[in-house]
Structure formats: C-alpha cells, structure tokens
C-alpha cells in the first residue's frame, strides 16, 4: 500500500505542475520518473511513449497509467491516473461553477507556458543523448521532425513511428543489443490484458446500441464521452471537434459555454481530456463531472492495460528491438517537432520570453531545480511581467 500511496503522490505533484499540453507532460514525466526516481530507463520510457502514440486517447495520461502499472499493478495504474487527473478536474469544476459570475484573468498563465518550453527543451536534449547513438538514428529523428512539421495531421505521429519502426527493423536488427526491457516483470498476464481489450470493444459497440435503445439521459452522456475518448488519435486538442459535435450540435451545451470551457482548460495543468469534467459540471453538476471524467478516460485505461503485456513481449524479440530503436529515435523527433510547433511558436512572443526561457533552462540544467519550484517561479514571472 505504501507503494500505491507513493505513486499517487508523485503523479498528483505532476498533475499540479505539468502545464503546456501532452508533449510538455512527457517532458515532465521523463524528468520525474526517469531522471529523478529511475522507476524505468529512457528506452523503457520511450517504448511507453511510442505505444501511447499508436493508441487512441490522451497520450500523456496513458504513459502515466503505464508507469503506474509497471510500478504498482492495477492499483498503481489507477492511483497514477487519479493523481495526475485530479488537480485539473477539481479546478475545472470550480471554474465551471464560477466562470459566469466572475471574469478570470489568465495573463499570468504565460509564465507557466514559458516553464513548459524549458521543460520540453531539456527533455528533448536528455532523450536525444540516450536514444540517438549514431548518425542513422539521428537521420531517423531528423526526418520525423521534418515530416511532422510539414504534415500536420492527427495520424501523422502514428505513421511516422510505424515507418521509423520499419526502417529500424532493417537497419538495426543485427546491431541492437538492448536488454533494458528484459528485466521488466509485468504485474498482469496476457489473459488479463485480453479481457481488458475485450471490455473495451464491448463498451465501444454496446454503449451506442444501448443509448439508441433506451432513452436514458445519463446513459447517452456516458456513451458520448466514452466514444469520444475511444476514437481520438493525435492528442487532447483533437477531442475538441468530437465533443463539439456530441454536445453543442446536440443541444446539450451552448457554444458560448463550450468555447469558454475549452479556453479555461488550456490554462490548466494536467491532461486536456479533463475538458470533459467542465462539460459534465455544466450539464449535470458534480455527478455529471465525475461521470464525464471516468467515461472519457476509461477507453485509454482499458487499452493501455490490455495492450501493454503484449507490447513488452513483442519488443523483446530480436527484430522488434531494431524496430523499437527506430521508433525510439522517431519519438525524439516527434518531441522536437512538438517543441517547435506549437510549444515555441505559440508561446515565445519576443526577446523577453527568450531571455526568461534561457534563465529557466539554466535553473533546470545547472542548478537542478525541481519542476514544481520552477512552476511557482513561472507563476511569479507571469504575474510580474504579463
């Protein structure tokens, strides 16, 4: 039980301090779970990141669930999910209640965005040192970076990782000697994983059918959130059009409430999928927020638990080690691409921002400041300068 509490507290701290969207979250995770606590290696972590890119749902949340599973079994995965998600859920529930009565000034959030720039820059640098050991690895990462900057599509990351894995299979299958994942002992079996996958499919098919047969409002709400969470590739931003169709066009939520909530969600730490908590709070109060949160994250939980036992087994084979070497290099390119667009392009607005980010990087690299302290400093910078 002590390990479960530790998982919850670490993920809760990340949930309070991880600003900047899913790519920034992966930077925070890498710093906390890999560098500081050494719960897994860089290659194990990049394997989880690559898997999360293949699966629909919130990538950073799935990585966190996977780390919780490896560390503490099913309870560890649930504790990791609750810890990382709870802060933004509570904040969005409060904002949903008060936003119509009081205008919330958000300019100070820019300081937190600058913190995210520094965190992701450090993560790209640290991962590149470990996952790009040769010129061929570098070329794969560079091509992934270029493709993703030129081809902005929800399925682009999946295509890039798959193509890089094929290239890696050809280039590195004889030279790869990585044994990092061989020491991992998964706390669940393949048979349990298969049951989770089966439950995912049953709910994906059964909820829409049940919703059409039974005119029950809560069942319809659960179905809308579950289907949205199960069909989103490309990160939290992609869930916006799906939720807009499900709730605004159906008349359950006004366009004004929807846009306001999405804007507030951008300013929150943690996963963007917690936008569902805001929608649920508007529609059905506290019970609605809780139901919406569980329903939209449930597909991600079922998938990561169901697929992970098979993923690590496959990745241990000789051919797959080469494929994972290529995929790992692509992950660095993906992180670098997202660092450039949208993190840098939508955050850096002038010379002052560049100066502040450099200062944050010095604090991270030279002085080894903890991310949560840097977040507090970022809030102060935002208040003073913005």
Protein backbone atom coordinates (compact mmCIF):
# COMPACT_ATOMS: atom_id res chain seq x y z
CA UNK A 1 0.00 0.00 0.00
CA UNK A 2 2.92 2.33 0.65
CA UNK A 3 3.98 1.99 -2.98
CA UNK A 4 0.45 2.87 -4.17
CA UNK A 5 0.43 5.99 -1.98
CA UNK A 6 3.85 6.95 -3.37
CA UNK A 7 2.60 6.56 -6.95
CA UNK A 8 -0.43 8.71 -6.17
CA UNK A 9 1.60 11.48 -4.50
CA UNK A 10 4.18 11.65 -7.30
CA UNK A 11 1.51 11.73 -10.01
CA UNK A 12 -0.52 14.26 -8.01
CA UNK A 13 2.52 16.56 -7.89
CA UNK A 14 2.87 16.17 -11.65
CA UNK A 15 -0.85 16.85 -12.07
CA UNK A 16 -0.42 20.13 -10.19
CA UNK A 17 2.67 21.28 -12.05
CA UNK A 18 2.51 19.85 -15.59
CA UNK A 19 1.45 22.74 -17.81
CA UNK A 20 1.73 23.03 -21.57
CA UNK A 21 -0.20 20.13 -23.07
CA UNK A 22 0.60 16.44 -23.68
CA UNK A 23 4.06 16.92 -25.18
CA UNK A 24 5.13 19.08 -22.26
CA UNK A 25 3.72 16.46 -19.90
CA UNK A 26 6.00 13.84 -21.44
CA UNK A 27 8.91 16.14 -20.65
CA UNK A 28 7.81 16.46 -17.04
CA UNK A 29 7.34 12.68 -16.81
CA UNK A 30 10.77 11.99 -18.23
CA UNK A 31 12.34 14.35 -15.69
CA UNK A 32 10.46 12.90 -12.71
CA UNK A 33 10.08 9.19 -13.45
CA UNK A 34 13.28 8.53 -15.42
CA UNK A 35 15.84 11.06 -14.22
CA UNK A 36 14.87 11.68 -10.61
CA UNK A 37 13.27 8.42 -9.46
CA UNK A 38 14.68 5.97 -12.02
CA UNK A 39 11.49 3.91 -11.98
CA UNK A 40 12.27 2.96 -15.59
CA UNK A 41 15.01 3.55 -18.16
CA UNK A 42 14.95 6.00 -21.05
CA UNK A 43 14.35 3.18 -23.53
CA UNK A 44 11.54 1.69 -21.46
CA UNK A 45 10.02 5.15 -21.19
CA UNK A 46 10.32 5.80 -24.91
CA UNK A 47 8.68 2.41 -25.56
CA UNK A 48 5.70 3.55 -23.50
CA UNK A 49 5.61 6.86 -25.36
CA UNK A 50 5.71 5.05 -28.71
CA UNK A 51 2.85 2.77 -27.61
CA UNK A 52 0.76 5.73 -26.48
CA UNK A 53 1.16 7.28 -29.95
CA UNK A 54 -0.28 4.13 -31.56
CA UNK A 55 -3.30 4.03 -29.26
CA UNK A 56 -6.26 6.41 -29.30
CA UNK A 57 -6.76 8.57 -26.24
CA UNK A 58 -4.72 11.03 -24.14
CA UNK A 59 -1.07 10.09 -24.73
CA UNK A 60 0.43 11.54 -21.55
CA UNK A 61 -2.29 10.02 -19.35
CA UNK A 62 -1.72 6.60 -20.93
CA UNK A 63 2.03 6.88 -20.31
CA UNK A 64 1.29 7.74 -16.68
CA UNK A 65 -1.12 4.79 -16.39
CA UNK A 66 1.51 2.51 -17.89
CA UNK A 67 4.18 3.68 -15.45
CA UNK A 68 1.74 3.18 -12.57
CA UNK A 69 1.01 -0.34 -13.83
CA UNK A 70 4.69 -1.26 -14.04
CA UNK A 71 5.33 0.18 -10.60
CA UNK A 72 2.28 -0.97 -8.66
CA UNK A 73 -0.01 -3.17 -10.74
CA UNK A 74 -3.62 -2.30 -11.50
CA UNK A 75 -3.99 -0.26 -8.30
CA UNK A 76 -0.82 1.62 -9.20
CA UNK A 77 -2.23 2.44 -12.63
CA UNK A 78 -5.47 3.72 -11.09
CA UNK A 79 -3.54 5.72 -8.48
CA UNK A 80 -1.38 7.27 -11.19
CA UNK A 81 -4.45 8.22 -13.22
CA UNK A 82 -6.29 9.75 -10.25
CA UNK A 83 -3.25 11.66 -9.03
CA UNK A 84 -2.40 13.16 -12.41
CA UNK A 85 -6.01 13.98 -13.32
CA UNK A 86 -7.50 15.13 -10.01
CA UNK A 87 -5.99 18.66 -9.82
CA UNK A 88 -7.28 19.80 -13.22
CA UNK A 89 -10.64 18.08 -12.64
CA UNK A 90 -11.19 19.98 -9.41
CA UNK A 91 -10.02 23.28 -10.91
CA UNK A 92 -12.28 22.93 -13.94
CA UNK A 93 -15.26 22.02 -11.78
CA UNK A 94 -14.71 25.21 -9.78
CA UNK A 95 -14.24 27.27 -12.96
CA UNK A 96 -17.40 25.78 -14.48
CA UNK A 97 -19.30 26.91 -11.41
CA UNK A 98 -17.90 30.44 -11.18
CA UNK A 99 -16.89 31.49 -14.69
CA UNK A 100 -20.25 33.10 -15.48
CA UNK A 101 -20.12 35.20 -12.30
CA UNK A 102 -16.56 36.44 -12.35
CA UNK A 103 -14.11 37.05 -15.17
CA UNK A 104 -10.87 35.17 -14.51
CA UNK A 105 -7.69 36.95 -15.52
CA UNK A 106 -5.45 34.49 -17.36
CA UNK A 107 -2.47 36.62 -18.43
CA UNK A 108 -0.22 35.16 -15.70
CA UNK A 109 -0.59 31.74 -17.35
CA UNK A 110 2.00 32.87 -19.92
CA UNK A 111 4.70 32.40 -17.30
CA UNK A 112 3.69 28.76 -16.96
CA UNK A 113 3.85 28.30 -20.72
CA UNK A 114 7.45 29.52 -20.65
CA UNK A 115 8.20 26.93 -17.97
CA UNK A 116 6.80 24.26 -20.31
CA UNK A 117 9.15 25.45 -23.09
CA UNK A 118 12.16 24.96 -20.81
CA UNK A 119 10.98 21.57 -19.52
CA UNK A 120 10.40 20.16 -23.01
CA UNK A 121 13.72 21.55 -24.30
CA UNK A 122 15.56 19.73 -21.52
CA UNK A 123 13.59 16.53 -22.19
CA UNK A 124 14.46 16.60 -25.91
CA UNK A 125 18.13 17.08 -25.10
CA UNK A 126 18.28 14.34 -22.45
CA UNK A 127 16.40 11.79 -24.55
CA UNK A 128 18.47 12.53 -27.65
CA UNK A 129 21.71 11.77 -25.78
CA UNK A 130 20.46 8.29 -24.88
CA UNK A 131 18.27 7.34 -27.84
CA UNK A 132 20.30 8.72 -30.77
CA UNK A 133 23.69 6.97 -30.50
CA UNK A 134 24.58 7.08 -34.22
CA UNK A 135 24.17 9.08 -37.42
CA UNK A 136 21.49 6.68 -38.67
CA UNK A 137 19.44 7.23 -35.51
CA UNK A 138 19.88 10.97 -35.95
CA UNK A 139 18.67 10.84 -39.56
CA UNK A 140 15.52 8.98 -38.49
CA UNK A 141 14.83 11.57 -35.77
CA UNK A 142 15.51 14.45 -38.16
CA UNK A 143 13.24 13.06 -40.87
CA UNK A 144 10.50 12.51 -38.27
CA UNK A 145 10.92 16.13 -37.21
CA UNK A 146 10.68 17.43 -40.79
CA UNK A 147 7.68 15.26 -41.71
CA UNK A 148 5.70 16.32 -38.65
CA UNK A 149 6.43 19.99 -39.21
CA UNK A 150 5.29 19.78 -42.84
CA UNK A 151 2.41 17.31 -42.42
CA UNK A 152 0.16 18.32 -39.55
CA UNK A 153 -2.42 15.57 -39.36
CA UNK A 154 -3.89 13.63 -36.40
CA UNK A 155 -2.47 10.37 -37.78
CA UNK A 156 0.94 11.82 -38.68
CA UNK A 157 2.66 10.64 -35.48
CA UNK A 158 1.31 7.11 -35.88
CA UNK A 159 2.53 6.96 -39.49
CA UNK A 160 5.97 8.35 -38.59
CA UNK A 161 6.50 5.89 -35.73
CA UNK A 162 5.34 2.96 -37.85
CA UNK A 163 7.61 3.96 -40.76
CA UNK A 164 10.56 4.54 -38.41
CA UNK A 165 9.98 1.14 -36.83
CA UNK A 166 10.13 -0.49 -40.28
CA UNK A 167 13.36 1.37 -41.07
CA UNK A 168 14.79 0.40 -37.69
CA UNK A 169 13.85 -3.24 -38.28
CA UNK A 170 16.00 -3.22 -41.43
CA UNK A 171 18.89 -1.11 -40.13
CA UNK A 172 19.32 -2.17 -36.52
CA UNK A 173 18.01 -5.72 -36.15
CA UNK A 174 21.52 -7.20 -36.12
CA UNK A 175 23.27 -4.46 -34.19
CA UNK A 176 20.73 -3.86 -31.44
CA UNK A 177 21.80 -5.29 -28.09
CA UNK A 178 19.32 -3.51 -25.87
CA UNK A 179 18.23 -5.61 -22.93
CA UNK A 180 16.63 -2.83 -20.88
CA UNK A 181 13.10 -4.20 -21.15
CA UNK A 182 14.08 -7.80 -20.40
CA UNK A 183 14.17 -7.14 -16.67
CA UNK A 184 10.63 -5.81 -16.58
CA UNK A 185 8.14 -8.06 -14.83
CA UNK A 186 4.62 -7.05 -15.70
CA UNK A 187 2.20 -7.47 -12.80
CA UNK A 188 -0.59 -8.68 -15.12
CA UNK A 189 -0.79 -11.57 -17.56
CA UNK A 190 -1.71 -11.61 -21.22
CA UNK A 191 -5.04 -13.26 -20.38
CA UNK A 192 -5.96 -10.34 -18.13
CA UNK A 193 -4.84 -7.93 -20.84
CA UNK A 194 -7.06 -9.71 -23.34
CA UNK A 195 -10.04 -9.29 -21.02
CA UNK A 196 -9.45 -5.56 -20.82
CA UNK A 197 -9.27 -5.35 -24.61
CA UNK A 198 -12.49 -7.32 -24.89
CA UNK A 199 -14.23 -5.00 -22.42
CA UNK A 200 -13.02 -2.00 -24.46
CA UNK A 201 -14.62 -3.43 -27.63
CA UNK A 202 -17.83 -4.44 -25.87
CA UNK A 203 -18.34 -0.94 -24.47
CA UNK A 204 -17.41 0.72 -27.77
CA UNK A 205 -20.09 -1.27 -29.58
CA UNK A 206 -22.57 -1.77 -26.75
CA UNK A 207 -22.89 1.76 -25.39
CA UNK A 208 -24.10 3.32 -28.68
CA UNK A 209 -26.53 0.44 -29.15
CA UNK A 210 -27.87 0.73 -25.60
CA UNK A 211 -28.08 4.51 -25.90
CA UNK A 212 -30.22 4.22 -29.04
CA UNK A 213 -32.49 1.60 -27.48
CA UNK A 214 -33.03 3.24 -24.10
CA UNK A 215 -33.95 6.92 -23.82
CA UNK A 216 -31.92 7.49 -20.64
CA UNK A 217 -30.05 10.80 -20.41
CA UNK A 218 -27.15 9.60 -18.26
CA UNK A 219 -26.55 6.59 -20.50
CA UNK A 220 -26.44 8.88 -23.53
CA UNK A 221 -23.95 11.18 -21.79
CA UNK A 222 -21.71 8.24 -20.85
CA UNK A 223 -21.87 6.94 -24.41
CA UNK A 224 -20.90 10.31 -25.90
CA UNK A 225 -17.86 10.71 -23.65
CA UNK A 226 -16.71 7.09 -23.98
CA UNK A 227 -16.92 7.11 -27.78
CA UNK A 228 -15.09 10.46 -27.92
CA UNK A 229 -12.29 9.11 -25.73
CA UNK A 230 -12.06 5.88 -27.72
CA UNK A 231 -11.80 7.46 -31.18
CA UNK A 232 -9.36 10.33 -30.65
CA UNK A 233 -5.94 10.00 -32.28
CA UNK A 234 -3.46 12.83 -32.08
CA UNK A 235 -3.81 14.16 -28.56
CA UNK A 236 -6.16 16.22 -26.46
CA UNK A 237 -6.71 19.01 -28.98
CA UNK A 238 -8.26 16.55 -31.42
CA UNK A 239 -11.05 15.74 -28.96
CA UNK A 240 -12.43 19.29 -29.40
CA UNK A 241 -14.36 18.69 -32.67
CA UNK A 242 -15.71 15.36 -31.41
CA UNK A 243 -17.03 16.87 -28.19
CA UNK A 244 -18.42 19.85 -30.08
CA UNK A 245 -20.45 17.52 -32.30
CA UNK A 246 -21.59 15.40 -29.37
CA UNK A 247 -22.66 18.21 -27.03
CA UNK A 248 -23.05 21.54 -28.84
CA UNK A 249 -24.70 20.33 -32.02
CA UNK A 250 -26.94 18.04 -29.97
CA UNK A 251 -28.10 21.00 -27.87
CA UNK A 252 -26.79 19.73 -24.53
CA UNK A 253 -24.34 22.64 -24.25
CA UNK A 254 -24.28 26.16 -25.64
CA UNK A 255 -21.50 27.23 -27.99
CA UNK A 256 -20.51 30.02 -25.60
CA UNK A 257 -20.16 27.65 -22.65
CA UNK A 258 -18.19 25.22 -24.79
CA UNK A 259 -15.65 27.78 -26.07
CA UNK A 260 -15.22 29.34 -22.62
CA UNK A 261 -14.55 25.95 -21.07
CA UNK A 262 -12.02 24.98 -23.71
CA UNK A 263 -10.18 28.25 -23.21
CA UNK A 264 -10.03 27.70 -19.45
CA UNK A 265 -8.83 24.12 -19.97
CA UNK A 266 -5.80 25.39 -21.92
CA UNK A 267 -4.67 27.22 -18.79
CA UNK A 268 -4.91 24.19 -16.51
CA UNK A 269 -2.22 21.65 -15.57
CA UNK A 270 -2.75 18.02 -16.42
CA UNK A 271 -4.46 16.36 -19.39
CA UNK A 272 -6.64 18.29 -21.85
CA UNK A 273 -9.19 15.49 -21.70
CA UNK A 274 -10.35 16.95 -18.38
CA UNK A 275 -12.29 19.39 -20.55
CA UNK A 276 -14.92 16.65 -20.13
CA UNK A 277 -15.06 17.46 -16.41
CA UNK A 278 -16.05 21.03 -17.24
CA UNK A 279 -18.74 19.89 -19.69
CA UNK A 280 -20.09 17.36 -17.21
CA UNK A 281 -20.21 20.01 -14.47
CA UNK A 282 -22.19 22.38 -16.70
CA UNK A 283 -24.63 19.64 -17.73
CA UNK A 284 -25.09 17.70 -14.51
CA UNK A 285 -23.22 19.30 -11.62
CA UNK A 286 -20.72 17.32 -9.55
CA UNK A 287 -22.17 13.89 -10.52
CA UNK A 288 -22.01 14.92 -14.18
CA UNK A 289 -18.37 15.97 -13.86
CA UNK A 290 -17.38 12.69 -12.22
CA UNK A 291 -19.26 10.56 -14.75
CA UNK A 292 -17.83 12.53 -17.68
CA UNK A 293 -14.26 12.23 -16.39
CA UNK A 294 -14.47 8.48 -15.86
CA UNK A 295 -16.23 7.86 -19.17
CA UNK A 296 -13.75 9.78 -21.36
CA UNK A 297 -10.64 8.29 -19.71
CA UNK A 298 -11.95 4.72 -19.43
CA UNK A 299 -11.04 3.73 -23.03
CA UNK A 300 -7.45 4.88 -22.51
CA UNK A 301 -7.21 2.86 -19.30
CA UNK A 302 -8.65 -0.30 -20.85
CA UNK A 303 -6.36 -0.03 -23.88
CA UNK A 304 -3.07 0.60 -22.07
CA UNK A 305 -3.72 -2.23 -19.59
CA UNK A 306 -4.86 -4.54 -22.39
CA UNK A 307 -2.02 -3.87 -24.83
CA UNK A 308 0.99 -3.42 -22.52
CA UNK A 309 1.58 -7.14 -21.73
CA UNK A 310 1.76 -7.91 -25.45
CA UNK A 311 3.79 -4.78 -26.25
CA UNK A 312 6.73 -5.55 -23.98
CA UNK A 313 6.81 -9.20 -25.03
CA UNK A 314 6.91 -8.27 -28.71
CA UNK A 315 9.54 -5.58 -28.12
CA UNK A 316 11.95 -8.17 -26.65
CA UNK A 317 12.28 -10.14 -29.89
CA UNK A 318 15.39 -9.59 -31.98
CA UNK A 319 13.61 -8.00 -34.92
CA UNK A 320 11.44 -5.83 -32.71
CA UNK A 321 14.47 -4.49 -30.84
CA UNK A 322 15.66 -2.97 -34.10
CA UNK A 323 12.16 -1.69 -34.84
CA UNK A 324 11.95 -0.12 -31.37
CA UNK A 325 15.36 1.51 -31.86
CA UNK A 326 13.94 3.20 -34.96
CA UNK A 327 10.69 4.07 -33.16
CA UNK A 328 12.62 5.47 -30.18
CA UNK A 329 14.62 7.75 -32.48
CA UNK A 330 11.34 8.88 -34.04
CA UNK A 331 9.95 9.68 -30.59
CA UNK A 332 12.80 12.17 -30.12
CA UNK A 333 11.93 13.73 -33.48
CA UNK A 334 8.25 13.85 -32.53
CA UNK A 335 9.05 15.56 -29.24
CA UNK A 336 11.32 18.02 -31.05
CA UNK A 337 8.64 18.78 -33.65
CA UNK A 338 6.03 19.46 -31.00
CA UNK A 339 8.59 21.58 -29.14
CA UNK A 340 8.90 23.79 -32.22
CA UNK A 341 5.22 23.71 -33.20
CA UNK A 342 3.12 24.53 -31.23
CA UNK A 343 5.08 24.99 -27.99
CA UNK A 344 7.68 27.54 -29.15
CA UNK A 345 5.72 29.16 -31.98
CA UNK A 346 2.64 29.75 -29.82
CA UNK A 347 4.50 30.71 -26.64
CA UNK A 348 7.59 32.79 -27.50
CA UNK A 349 6.37 36.30 -28.29
CA UNK A 350 9.53 38.37 -28.01
CA UNK A 351 13.04 38.80 -26.67
CA UNK A 352 11.86 38.86 -23.04
CA UNK A 353 10.33 35.40 -23.44
CA UNK A 354 13.58 34.04 -24.91
CA UNK A 355 15.58 35.53 -22.03
CA UNK A 356 13.22 34.04 -19.43
CA UNK A 357 13.28 30.57 -21.04
CA UNK A 358 17.10 30.61 -21.10
CA UNK A 359 17.03 31.51 -17.40
CA UNK A 360 14.67 28.63 -16.69
CA UNK A 361 16.94 26.24 -18.62
CA UNK A 362 19.95 27.34 -16.57
CA UNK A 363 17.99 26.68 -13.38
CA UNK A 364 16.99 23.22 -14.65
CA UNK A 365 20.35 22.10 -16.05
CA UNK A 366 22.90 23.94 -13.92
CA UNK A 367 21.09 24.26 -10.61
CA UNK A 368 18.90 21.13 -10.88
CA UNK A 369 15.82 22.99 -9.65
CA UNK A 370 12.74 20.84 -9.10
CA UNK A 371 9.97 21.34 -11.72
CA UNK A 372 7.33 22.29 -9.14
CA UNK A 373 9.59 25.10 -7.87
CA UNK A 374 10.09 26.23 -11.45
CA UNK A 375 6.29 26.26 -11.89
CA UNK A 376 5.93 28.52 -8.83
CA UNK A 377 8.64 30.77 -10.26
CA UNK A 378 6.82 30.77 -13.60
CA UNK A 379 3.62 31.93 -11.90
CA UNK A 380 5.57 34.76 -10.27
CA UNK A 381 7.17 35.72 -13.58
CA UNK A 382 3.75 35.70 -15.23
CA UNK A 383 2.26 37.96 -12.54
CA UNK A 384 5.14 40.43 -12.67
CA UNK A 385 5.76 40.67 -16.41
CA UNK A 386 2.44 39.73 -18.04
